[in-house]
Amino acid sequence: MISLKSFWTALPTEGRWLLSTVAVSTLGRGLVLPFTLIYLHEVRGFGLGLSGTLMALIAVSAFVVTGPSGALTDRYGARVVMLGGQSAMVAGTILLAFATTPVAAAVALLLLGVNFGASWPAFNSLIATVVEGEVRQQYFGVNFALTNLGLGVGGIVGGLFADVARPETFTTIYLADAASGLIPLALFLGPLRHLHGRVLHPPRTLEAGRAGGYRTILRSPAVRWLTLLTFVATFIGYGQFEVGLPAFARGEAGLSTEMIGLGFALNTFVIVAFQFTVMGRIRGRRRTRVLAVMALLWAAAWLLMGAGALAPGSALAITGLLGFGIVFGVGETLLQPTLPAINNDLAADHLRGRYNALNAAAVQAGTVAGPVVAGLLLEHGQAGALIGLMVLGCGAIAVVTGVLERHLPVAVNGRAVAVPVR
């Protein structure tokens, strides 16, 4: 059984510093994350279509900078890239707090996208340089739980404080978000200034040539299957959280916004409450098999959600939504410790930034494609097709994990390598 105390004791000092800032910085992000579209449309008076387009700039910007950020991480170190990303986040959030024109809002959101695209591969690379082995898998799981805790609490506080009739309340929460972004900056300029997160002496054959770039990485079948798995899992999961899930729950299951919010809150609670228990149960097991179980749980979750459309507004619809939040959340506790751990255990040290950038690009592509497909299907009255597509996607995850398993070294797949007795 893994406990918080045993995990914390096993962490090096740098790992403790990194983890201690996660909940605080995501608390600030949670203050504003659910309300940016409302802020642009109802507070600043931009049209709904324009507001949605402005929001899309975050994903576009993140996707564009992800590849170069991975290369910069490998060349100059994760710490430098994190400093750049966090600086962009603080500047963008402050600008957004006072943005009264679409141009100002666009610049602010582009800066936020730069942070997401740069910080994701850099932060995961930094984690991988600090912790190894089983603790690395645990770290990714705990990091995910703390992220959800911070976002959940921040969302509750932001919802209680922000008022569209008082624009200054939105300015305040955006400035609070910017202030929370100063904490990682202080960390990397202070206690972690020595943690560069790069390989000082890469292999000679890869030092200056193209052989160490993305093309070389993608020659690996394991990387290609892992990238496909990441895209499909994101498309089926997080790509539906902003459009597919709430739109289906509202339009097809006939549920109130308050009930939808409760479903999301329940999902967050499950993740925070059960992440440690799940990490203890999956310890030493094949990570690909764990992901296959996740796919089964997600398929069940989507079927529960779909059942709600049989009796809109009824107890069945409510049960379907809340059941989705619980079952899907348990699946997430299986996903987050395993997928990043596979990626970082597979990565060569001198190419770790690129490996994480490739993984981040797959996630970003899934979060862009998911809402587009869901929106088109629901707009044309194909709610049943959406649920069917989600279940088929879960089946595809199970198939891909089976193929991926054949290409992964035993240790990368989470199994201890047996040492022969002499």
Protein backbone atom coordinates (compact mmCIF):
# COMPACT_ATOMS: atom_id res chain seq x y z
CA MET A 1 0.00 0.00 0.00
CA ILE A 2 1.37 3.40 -1.05
CA SER A 3 0.86 6.25 1.42
CA LEU A 4 1.50 9.95 1.01
CA LYS A 5 4.12 9.77 3.76
CA SER A 6 6.09 6.92 2.15
CA PHE A 7 5.89 8.59 -1.24
CA TRP A 8 7.06 11.95 0.15
CA THR A 9 9.94 10.26 1.99
CA ALA A 10 11.07 8.56 -1.23
CA LEU A 11 11.23 11.87 -3.12
CA PRO A 12 14.48 13.79 -3.47
CA THR A 13 14.43 17.41 -2.33
CA GLU A 14 13.99 18.71 -5.89
CA GLY A 15 10.96 16.49 -6.37
CA ARG A 16 9.37 17.85 -3.21
CA TRP A 17 9.90 21.42 -4.36
CA LEU A 18 8.33 20.69 -7.74
CA LEU A 19 5.32 18.91 -6.28
CA SER A 20 4.67 21.47 -3.56
CA THR A 21 3.91 24.17 -6.12
CA VAL A 22 1.46 22.14 -8.23
CA ALA A 23 -1.65 22.52 -6.07
CA VAL A 24 -1.04 26.26 -5.52
CA SER A 25 -0.40 27.10 -9.18
CA THR A 26 -3.34 25.01 -10.39
CA LEU A 27 -5.55 26.59 -7.74
CA GLY A 28 -4.94 29.90 -9.51
CA ARG A 29 -5.66 28.30 -12.88
CA GLY A 30 -8.86 26.79 -11.53
CA LEU A 31 -10.11 30.26 -10.53
CA VAL A 32 -10.46 31.22 -14.20
CA LEU A 33 -10.47 28.02 -16.27
CA PRO A 34 -14.27 27.45 -16.34
CA PHE A 35 -15.08 31.12 -16.89
CA THR A 36 -12.93 32.44 -19.73
CA LEU A 37 -15.64 32.06 -22.39
CA ILE A 38 -18.17 33.69 -20.05
CA TYR A 39 -15.69 36.50 -19.35
CA LEU A 40 -15.08 37.23 -23.03
CA HIS A 41 -18.75 37.03 -24.03
CA GLU A 42 -20.71 38.41 -21.10
CA VAL A 43 -18.22 40.72 -19.41
CA ARG A 44 -16.22 42.13 -22.34
CA GLY A 45 -19.16 41.95 -24.77
CA PHE A 46 -17.55 39.95 -27.56
CA GLY A 47 -19.85 37.86 -29.75
CA LEU A 48 -20.18 34.20 -28.87
CA GLY A 49 -18.62 33.13 -32.18
CA LEU A 50 -15.72 35.55 -31.76
CA SER A 51 -15.22 34.42 -28.15
CA GLY A 52 -15.05 30.79 -29.24
CA THR A 53 -12.55 31.65 -31.96
CA LEU A 54 -10.40 33.55 -29.47
CA MET A 55 -10.45 30.55 -27.13
CA ALA A 56 -9.24 28.33 -29.97
CA LEU A 57 -6.09 30.47 -30.21
CA ILE A 58 -4.82 28.81 -27.02
CA ALA A 59 -4.77 25.36 -28.63
CA VAL A 60 -3.39 26.64 -31.92
CA SER A 61 -0.56 28.53 -30.23
CA ALA A 62 0.25 25.58 -27.98
CA PHE A 63 0.39 23.18 -30.93
CA VAL A 64 2.72 25.48 -32.90
CA VAL A 65 5.27 25.93 -30.11
CA THR A 66 5.25 22.36 -28.77
CA GLY A 67 7.73 20.94 -31.31
CA PRO A 68 10.31 23.74 -31.01
CA SER A 69 9.92 23.69 -27.21
CA GLY A 70 10.88 20.01 -27.11
CA ALA A 71 14.03 20.72 -29.12
CA LEU A 72 14.88 23.72 -26.92
CA THR A 73 14.38 21.57 -23.80
CA ASP A 74 16.92 19.05 -25.07
CA ARG A 75 19.41 21.76 -26.06
CA TYR A 76 19.14 24.29 -23.25
CA GLY A 77 17.36 22.40 -20.49
CA ALA A 78 13.82 22.12 -19.13
CA ARG A 79 14.35 24.85 -16.53
CA VAL A 80 15.02 27.54 -19.15
CA VAL A 81 11.95 26.55 -21.18
CA MET A 82 9.81 26.49 -18.03
CA LEU A 83 10.95 30.01 -17.16
CA GLY A 84 9.96 31.20 -20.62
CA GLY A 85 6.59 29.44 -20.50
CA GLN A 86 5.72 30.71 -17.03
CA SER A 87 6.71 34.27 -17.98
CA ALA A 88 4.37 34.08 -20.97
CA MET A 89 1.61 32.78 -18.69
CA VAL A 90 1.97 35.62 -16.17
CA ALA A 91 2.11 38.28 -18.90
CA GLY A 92 -0.84 36.78 -20.79
CA THR A 93 -3.04 36.47 -17.71
CA ILE A 94 -2.37 40.05 -16.61
CA LEU A 95 -3.15 41.30 -20.13
CA LEU A 96 -6.36 39.25 -20.24
CA ALA A 97 -7.48 40.75 -16.91
CA PHE A 98 -7.61 44.18 -18.53
CA ALA A 99 -8.39 43.19 -22.16
CA THR A 100 -11.29 45.25 -23.47
CA THR A 101 -10.66 44.68 -27.20
CA PRO A 102 -10.52 41.47 -29.26
CA VAL A 103 -6.93 42.24 -30.28
CA ALA A 104 -5.74 42.52 -26.68
CA ALA A 105 -7.60 39.33 -25.76
CA ALA A 106 -6.09 37.52 -28.75
CA VAL A 107 -2.54 38.46 -27.75
CA ALA A 108 -3.23 37.38 -24.17
CA LEU A 109 -4.64 34.01 -25.21
CA LEU A 110 -1.77 33.40 -27.62
CA LEU A 111 0.63 33.93 -24.70
CA LEU A 112 -1.33 31.44 -22.60
CA GLY A 113 -1.03 28.95 -25.46
CA VAL A 114 2.73 29.49 -25.58
CA ASN A 115 2.86 28.55 -21.90
CA PHE A 116 0.86 25.36 -22.40
CA GLY A 117 2.91 24.31 -25.42
CA ALA A 118 6.25 25.03 -23.78
CA SER A 119 5.64 24.02 -20.18
CA TRP A 120 4.04 20.61 -20.72
CA PRO A 121 7.02 18.85 -22.35
CA ALA A 122 9.50 20.79 -20.23
CA PHE A 123 7.80 20.00 -16.91
CA ASN A 124 7.42 16.29 -17.69
CA SER A 125 11.07 16.18 -18.76
CA LEU A 126 12.10 17.87 -15.53
CA ILE A 127 10.14 15.35 -13.46
CA ALA A 128 11.86 12.51 -15.29
CA THR A 129 15.31 13.92 -14.48
CA VAL A 130 14.45 14.18 -10.78
CA VAL A 131 12.74 10.83 -10.08
CA GLU A 132 13.23 7.38 -11.55
CA GLY A 133 11.69 3.92 -11.60
CA GLU A 134 8.53 3.17 -9.61
CA VAL A 135 8.61 6.58 -7.90
CA ARG A 136 8.37 8.24 -11.33
CA GLN A 137 5.09 6.47 -12.05
CA GLN A 138 3.79 7.42 -8.62
CA TYR A 139 4.89 11.01 -9.12
CA PHE A 140 2.84 11.40 -12.32
CA GLY A 141 -0.20 10.01 -10.51
CA VAL A 142 0.16 12.28 -7.49
CA ASN A 143 0.81 15.26 -9.72
CA PHE A 144 -2.45 14.54 -11.57
CA ALA A 145 -4.42 14.23 -8.32
CA LEU A 146 -3.01 17.51 -6.98
CA THR A 147 -3.75 19.21 -10.30
CA ASN A 148 -7.38 18.11 -10.10
CA LEU A 149 -7.58 19.19 -6.48
CA GLY A 150 -6.25 22.65 -7.30
CA LEU A 151 -8.49 23.07 -10.35
CA GLY A 152 -11.54 21.81 -8.44
CA VAL A 153 -11.09 24.05 -5.41
CA GLY A 154 -10.15 26.99 -7.63
CA GLY A 155 -13.26 26.50 -9.75
CA ILE A 156 -15.49 26.51 -6.67
CA VAL A 157 -13.87 29.66 -5.28
CA GLY A 158 -13.94 31.39 -8.66
CA GLY A 159 -17.59 30.50 -9.16
CA LEU A 160 -18.53 31.95 -5.78
CA PHE A 161 -16.55 35.16 -6.29
CA ALA A 162 -16.93 36.04 -9.98
CA ASP A 163 -20.00 38.06 -10.97
CA VAL A 164 -20.71 39.11 -14.58
CA ALA A 165 -22.45 42.23 -13.25
CA ARG A 166 -19.17 43.30 -11.64
CA PRO A 167 -16.30 43.13 -14.15
CA GLU A 168 -13.77 43.94 -11.43
CA THR A 169 -14.38 40.51 -9.89
CA PHE A 170 -13.08 38.87 -13.07
CA THR A 171 -10.09 41.21 -13.12
CA THR A 172 -9.34 40.10 -9.57
CA ILE A 173 -9.42 36.36 -10.26
CA TYR A 174 -7.22 36.75 -13.35
CA LEU A 175 -4.69 38.74 -11.35
CA ALA A 176 -4.82 36.03 -8.67
CA ASP A 177 -4.09 33.46 -11.37
CA ALA A 178 -1.11 35.53 -12.53
CA ALA A 179 0.15 35.76 -8.95
CA SER A 180 0.01 31.97 -8.61
CA GLY A 181 2.18 31.75 -11.73
CA LEU A 182 4.92 33.68 -9.94
CA ILE A 183 5.43 30.75 -7.55
CA PRO A 184 7.01 28.42 -10.14
CA LEU A 185 9.10 31.34 -11.42
CA ALA A 186 10.45 31.94 -7.91
CA LEU A 187 11.13 28.23 -7.55
CA PHE A 188 13.21 27.99 -10.74
CA LEU A 189 15.10 31.19 -9.94
CA GLY A 190 15.71 30.11 -6.34
CA PRO A 191 15.84 26.58 -4.87
CA LEU A 192 15.89 24.86 -8.29
CA ARG A 193 18.23 27.21 -10.13
CA HIS A 194 20.81 24.41 -10.34
CA LEU A 195 18.35 21.92 -11.90
CA HIS A 196 18.88 22.50 -15.62
CA GLY A 197 17.24 19.26 -16.82
CA ARG A 198 19.45 18.51 -19.83
CA VAL A 199 22.11 16.00 -20.82
CA LEU A 200 25.49 17.76 -20.79
CA HIS A 201 27.26 15.18 -22.97
CA PRO A 202 24.91 13.54 -25.49
CA PRO A 203 26.10 10.57 -27.54
CA ARG A 204 28.64 11.68 -30.15
CA THR A 205 26.77 10.18 -33.07
CA LEU A 206 23.71 12.26 -32.27
CA GLU A 207 25.40 15.42 -31.06
CA ALA A 208 25.12 17.60 -34.11
CA GLY A 209 23.25 15.61 -36.70
CA ARG A 210 19.66 15.25 -37.63
CA ALA A 211 19.73 11.69 -36.34
CA GLY A 212 18.76 12.97 -32.92
CA GLY A 213 15.60 14.78 -34.06
CA TYR A 214 11.92 13.96 -34.33
CA ARG A 215 12.44 11.85 -37.45
CA THR A 216 14.66 9.44 -35.53
CA ILE A 217 12.19 9.22 -32.66
CA LEU A 218 9.30 8.44 -34.99
CA ARG A 219 11.21 5.57 -36.56
CA SER A 220 10.53 3.64 -33.38
CA PRO A 221 7.33 1.54 -33.65
CA ALA A 222 6.80 1.93 -29.89
CA VAL A 223 6.78 5.72 -30.22
CA ARG A 224 4.37 5.65 -33.14
CA TRP A 225 1.89 3.37 -31.36
CA LEU A 226 2.25 5.35 -28.12
CA THR A 227 1.53 8.61 -29.97
CA LEU A 228 -1.55 7.08 -31.59
CA LEU A 229 -2.70 5.77 -28.21
CA THR A 230 -2.27 9.21 -26.64
CA PHE A 231 -4.28 10.88 -29.41
CA VAL A 232 -7.18 8.40 -29.25
CA ALA A 233 -7.31 8.45 -25.45
CA THR A 234 -7.40 12.26 -25.45
CA PHE A 235 -10.01 12.37 -28.22
CA ILE A 236 -12.27 9.95 -26.33
CA GLY A 237 -11.59 11.52 -22.94
CA TYR A 238 -10.49 15.09 -22.39
CA GLY A 239 -11.42 16.15 -25.91
CA GLN A 240 -15.09 15.69 -24.95
CA PHE A 241 -15.09 17.52 -21.62
CA GLU A 242 -15.75 20.99 -23.03
CA VAL A 243 -18.28 20.15 -25.76
CA GLY A 244 -19.35 16.53 -26.17
CA LEU A 245 -20.10 15.61 -22.55
CA PRO A 246 -21.88 18.82 -21.39
CA ALA A 247 -23.74 19.25 -24.69
CA PHE A 248 -25.01 15.64 -24.59
CA ALA A 249 -25.95 15.90 -20.92
CA ARG A 250 -27.80 19.15 -21.50
CA GLY A 251 -29.44 18.53 -24.88
CA GLU A 252 -30.01 14.77 -24.97
CA ALA A 253 -30.23 13.80 -21.28
CA GLY A 254 -32.14 16.99 -20.35
CA LEU A 255 -30.06 17.80 -17.27
CA SER A 256 -29.53 21.17 -15.60
CA THR A 257 -26.25 23.04 -15.56
CA GLU A 258 -26.12 22.55 -11.79
CA MET A 259 -26.34 18.77 -12.23
CA ILE A 260 -23.65 18.85 -14.91
CA GLY A 261 -21.42 20.82 -12.55
CA LEU A 262 -22.06 18.20 -9.86
CA GLY A 263 -21.00 15.47 -12.27
CA PHE A 264 -17.72 17.23 -12.97
CA ALA A 265 -17.13 17.81 -9.25
CA LEU A 266 -17.78 14.13 -8.51
CA ASN A 267 -15.25 13.18 -11.19
CA THR A 268 -12.64 15.39 -9.52
CA PHE A 269 -13.41 13.96 -6.08
CA VAL A 270 -12.97 10.38 -7.32
CA ILE A 271 -9.55 11.21 -8.76
CA VAL A 272 -8.31 12.92 -5.60
CA ALA A 273 -9.75 10.28 -3.27
CA PHE A 274 -8.62 7.14 -5.09
CA GLN A 275 -5.37 7.97 -6.86
CA PHE A 276 -3.13 6.60 -4.09
CA THR A 277 -5.18 3.43 -3.74
CA VAL A 278 -5.07 2.80 -7.47
CA MET A 279 -1.31 3.40 -7.64
CA GLY A 280 -0.80 0.74 -4.99
CA ARG A 281 -2.92 -1.75 -6.93
CA ILE A 282 -1.19 -1.23 -10.29
CA ARG A 283 2.35 -1.26 -8.90
CA GLY A 284 4.46 -3.84 -10.73
CA ARG A 285 1.75 -4.63 -13.28
CA ARG A 286 2.09 -4.26 -17.05
CA ARG A 287 1.19 -0.68 -17.85
CA THR A 288 -0.40 -1.67 -21.16
CA ARG A 289 -2.77 -4.03 -19.32
CA VAL A 290 -3.65 -1.21 -16.93
CA LEU A 291 -4.52 0.98 -19.92
CA ALA A 292 -6.67 -1.78 -21.38
CA VAL A 293 -8.67 -1.87 -18.12
CA MET A 294 -8.99 1.91 -18.37
CA ALA A 295 -10.48 1.52 -21.87
CA LEU A 296 -13.05 -0.93 -20.52
CA LEU A 297 -14.03 1.49 -17.74
CA TRP A 298 -14.32 4.40 -20.15
CA ALA A 299 -16.54 2.36 -22.49
CA ALA A 300 -18.82 1.58 -19.52
CA ALA A 301 -18.85 5.27 -18.57
CA TRP A 302 -19.96 6.37 -22.04
CA LEU A 303 -22.67 3.70 -22.12
CA LEU A 304 -23.95 5.02 -18.78
CA MET A 305 -24.03 8.52 -20.23
CA GLY A 306 -25.82 7.31 -23.33
CA ALA A 307 -28.46 5.50 -21.25
CA GLY A 308 -29.50 8.87 -19.83
CA ALA A 309 -30.86 9.90 -23.23
CA LEU A 310 -33.46 7.10 -23.01
CA ALA A 311 -35.32 9.09 -20.34
CA PRO A 312 -34.27 12.78 -20.44
CA GLY A 313 -34.46 14.62 -17.13
CA SER A 314 -35.23 11.45 -15.18
CA ALA A 315 -33.46 9.62 -12.38
CA LEU A 316 -31.92 7.40 -15.09
CA ALA A 317 -30.39 10.45 -16.76
CA ILE A 318 -29.01 11.72 -13.44
CA THR A 319 -27.62 8.29 -12.59
CA GLY A 320 -26.00 8.08 -16.01
CA LEU A 321 -24.23 11.42 -15.61
CA LEU A 322 -23.07 10.80 -12.04
CA GLY A 323 -22.08 7.24 -12.93
CA PHE A 324 -20.06 8.61 -15.82
CA GLY A 325 -18.21 10.97 -13.47
CA ILE A 326 -17.32 8.13 -11.09
CA VAL A 327 -16.38 5.41 -13.59
CA PHE A 328 -14.54 7.73 -15.93
CA GLY A 329 -12.64 9.20 -12.98
CA VAL A 330 -11.44 5.75 -11.89
CA GLY A 331 -10.22 5.23 -15.44
CA GLU A 332 -8.30 8.50 -15.27
CA THR A 333 -6.49 7.31 -12.15
CA LEU A 334 -5.21 4.40 -14.26
CA LEU A 335 -4.23 6.58 -17.22
CA GLN A 336 -2.22 9.35 -15.63
CA PRO A 337 0.42 7.36 -13.72
CA THR A 338 1.04 5.00 -16.66
CA LEU A 339 1.06 6.85 -19.98
CA PRO A 340 3.58 9.59 -19.02
CA ALA A 341 5.72 6.96 -17.27
CA ILE A 342 5.85 4.79 -20.41
CA ASN A 343 6.82 7.81 -22.49
CA ASN A 344 9.60 8.95 -20.16
CA ASP A 345 10.96 5.47 -19.48
CA LEU A 346 11.08 4.91 -23.25
CA ALA A 347 12.84 8.23 -23.92
CA ALA A 348 16.59 8.58 -24.35
CA ASP A 349 17.85 11.17 -21.85
CA HIS A 350 19.25 13.54 -24.49
CA LEU A 351 15.94 13.46 -26.44
CA ARG A 352 13.54 13.58 -23.49
CA GLY A 353 12.22 17.02 -24.38
CA ARG A 354 11.30 15.88 -27.87
CA TYR A 355 9.62 12.71 -26.59
CA ASN A 356 7.46 14.77 -24.24
CA ALA A 357 6.76 17.37 -26.92
CA LEU A 358 5.55 14.65 -29.29
CA ASN A 359 3.29 13.28 -26.56
CA ALA A 360 1.99 16.78 -25.80
CA ALA A 361 1.26 17.40 -29.49
CA ALA A 362 -0.84 14.22 -29.60
CA VAL A 363 -2.78 15.44 -26.55
CA GLN A 364 -3.35 18.87 -28.10
CA ALA A 365 -4.50 17.33 -31.39
CA GLY A 366 -7.00 15.20 -29.47
CA THR A 367 -8.35 18.18 -27.54
CA VAL A 368 -8.87 20.05 -30.82
CA ALA A 369 -10.42 17.16 -32.80
CA GLY A 370 -12.68 15.96 -29.98
CA PRO A 371 -14.88 19.09 -29.67
CA VAL A 372 -15.06 19.52 -33.47
CA VAL A 373 -16.33 15.98 -34.09
CA ALA A 374 -18.72 16.09 -31.12
CA GLY A 375 -20.11 19.46 -32.20
CA LEU A 376 -20.76 18.29 -35.77
CA LEU A 377 -22.46 15.05 -34.68
CA LEU A 378 -24.68 16.72 -32.09
CA GLU A 379 -25.55 19.59 -34.43
CA HIS A 380 -26.86 17.06 -36.96
CA GLY A 381 -28.83 15.10 -34.37
CA GLN A 382 -26.42 12.17 -34.23
CA ALA A 383 -26.18 11.80 -30.46
CA GLY A 384 -26.33 8.01 -30.70
CA ALA A 385 -23.49 8.06 -33.21
CA LEU A 386 -21.41 10.11 -30.76
CA ILE A 387 -21.85 7.53 -27.99
CA GLY A 388 -21.14 4.73 -30.47
CA LEU A 389 -17.98 6.49 -31.63
CA MET A 390 -16.79 6.89 -28.05
CA VAL A 391 -17.31 3.20 -27.29
CA LEU A 392 -15.58 2.17 -30.53
CA GLY A 393 -12.72 4.49 -29.60
CA CYS A 394 -12.37 2.71 -26.27
CA GLY A 395 -12.15 -0.56 -28.18
CA ALA A 396 -9.44 0.98 -30.36
CA ILE A 397 -7.49 1.93 -27.21
CA ALA A 398 -7.57 -1.70 -26.05
CA VAL A 399 -6.35 -2.90 -29.46
CA VAL A 400 -3.55 -0.32 -29.66
CA THR A 401 -2.32 -1.15 -26.15
CA GLY A 402 -2.06 -4.80 -27.20
CA VAL A 403 0.08 -3.86 -30.19
CA LEU A 404 2.14 -1.40 -28.14
CA GLU A 405 2.91 -4.10 -25.56
CA ARG A 406 4.76 -6.13 -28.21
CA HIS A 407 7.11 -3.21 -28.89
CA LEU A 408 7.89 -2.15 -25.31
CA PRO A 409 10.84 -3.40 -23.26
CA VAL A 410 9.65 -5.24 -20.16
CA ALA A 411 11.02 -2.58 -17.78
CA VAL A 412 9.37 0.26 -19.70
CA ASN A 413 6.08 -1.60 -19.41
CA GLY A 414 6.35 -1.52 -15.63
CA ARG A 415 7.57 -5.03 -14.96
CA ALA A 416 10.73 -5.68 -12.99
CA VAL A 417 13.50 -7.30 -15.02
CA ALA A 418 14.52 -10.63 -13.56
CA VAL A 419 18.23 -10.85 -12.67
CA PRO A 420 19.66 -14.29 -13.49
CA VAL A 421 21.14 -16.21 -10.56
CA ARG A 422 24.81 -17.04 -11.03
